[in-house]
Protein backbone atom coordinates (compact mmCIF):
# COMPACT_ATOMS: atom_id res chain seq x y z
CA MET A 1 0.00 0.00 0.00
CA LEU A 2 1.32 3.42 -0.91
CA LEU A 3 -0.02 6.28 1.16
CA CYS A 4 0.91 9.83 0.21
CA LEU A 5 -0.44 12.51 2.50
CA ARG A 6 0.36 16.15 2.90
CA SER A 7 1.74 17.18 6.26
CA GLU A 8 -1.37 19.18 7.09
CA GLN A 9 -3.56 16.10 6.49
CA VAL A 10 -1.49 13.99 8.86
CA MET A 11 -1.46 16.69 11.54
CA LYS A 12 -5.26 17.03 11.33
CA LEU A 13 -5.73 13.28 11.30
CA PHE A 14 -3.83 12.79 14.54
CA ALA A 15 -5.00 15.97 16.32
CA PRO A 16 -7.82 14.30 18.33
CA GLU A 17 -5.76 11.21 19.16
CA GLU A 18 -4.33 10.46 22.58
CA LYS A 19 -0.57 11.04 22.42
CA LYS A 20 0.20 9.47 25.77
CA PHE A 21 -0.94 5.96 26.55
CA PRO A 22 -2.90 5.43 29.80
CA ASN A 23 -0.30 3.14 31.35
CA ASN A 24 2.44 5.79 30.91
CA ARG A 25 4.72 3.27 29.18
CA ALA A 26 4.68 5.05 25.82
CA SER A 27 3.90 8.32 24.13
CA TYR A 28 4.50 10.04 20.83
CA SER A 29 4.68 13.51 19.43
CA MET A 30 4.64 14.82 15.88
CA LYS A 31 6.55 17.58 14.18
CA GLU A 32 5.96 19.01 10.74
CA THR A 33 9.19 19.30 8.72
CA ASN A 34 10.18 20.01 5.13
CA GLU A 35 10.24 16.25 4.46
CA GLY A 36 6.79 15.63 5.95
CA VAL A 37 5.69 14.69 9.44
CA LYS A 38 8.14 13.10 11.85
CA PHE A 39 6.94 11.00 14.74
CA LYS A 40 8.98 10.93 17.93
CA ILE A 41 8.12 7.83 19.95
CA GLU A 42 9.15 7.39 23.55
CA TYR A 43 8.71 4.01 25.18
CA LEU A 44 9.78 2.03 28.23
CA ASP A 45 9.81 -1.42 26.64
CA ILE A 46 9.43 -3.13 23.29
CA THR A 47 5.79 -4.06 23.91
CA ALA A 48 4.93 -0.40 24.49
CA LEU A 49 6.76 0.54 21.28
CA LYS A 50 4.75 -2.04 19.35
CA ALA A 51 1.51 -0.64 20.78
CA VAL A 52 2.38 2.89 19.64
CA ILE A 53 3.37 1.78 16.16
CA ASN A 54 0.19 -0.29 15.84
CA SER A 55 -1.90 2.67 16.92
CA ILE A 56 -0.29 5.00 14.38
CA THR A 57 -0.48 2.53 11.50
CA THR A 58 -4.09 1.60 12.28
CA ILE A 59 -5.15 5.23 12.00
CA LEU A 60 -3.31 5.61 8.69
CA ILE A 61 -4.79 2.38 7.28
CA ILE A 62 -8.34 3.41 8.20
CA TYR A 63 -7.79 6.83 6.63
CA SER A 64 -6.39 5.26 3.47
CA LYS A 65 -9.19 2.71 3.09
CA THR A 66 -11.85 5.35 3.73
CA ASN A 67 -10.41 7.58 1.02
CA GLU A 68 -10.23 4.62 -1.34
CA ILE A 69 -13.92 3.85 -0.78
CA ILE A 70 -14.89 7.49 -1.28
CA LYS A 71 -12.81 7.71 -4.46
CA ASN A 72 -14.04 4.44 -5.98
CA GLY A 73 -17.59 4.63 -4.72
């Protein structure tokens, strides 16, 4: 799957999302740069890192599939 989004789309997409996980084992922040959006992930263990990455990719996959449905009808 190839997903090309403008920085402003990504920033809006993640604006309402929780950036710090309830168990305080992981968090992430985003920064808009010339190359796009960079995610900074902080984590205490590998399981927490996996949870953050899954959360981010799930949001992007849902966004991509929704746009595909809208585009193709």
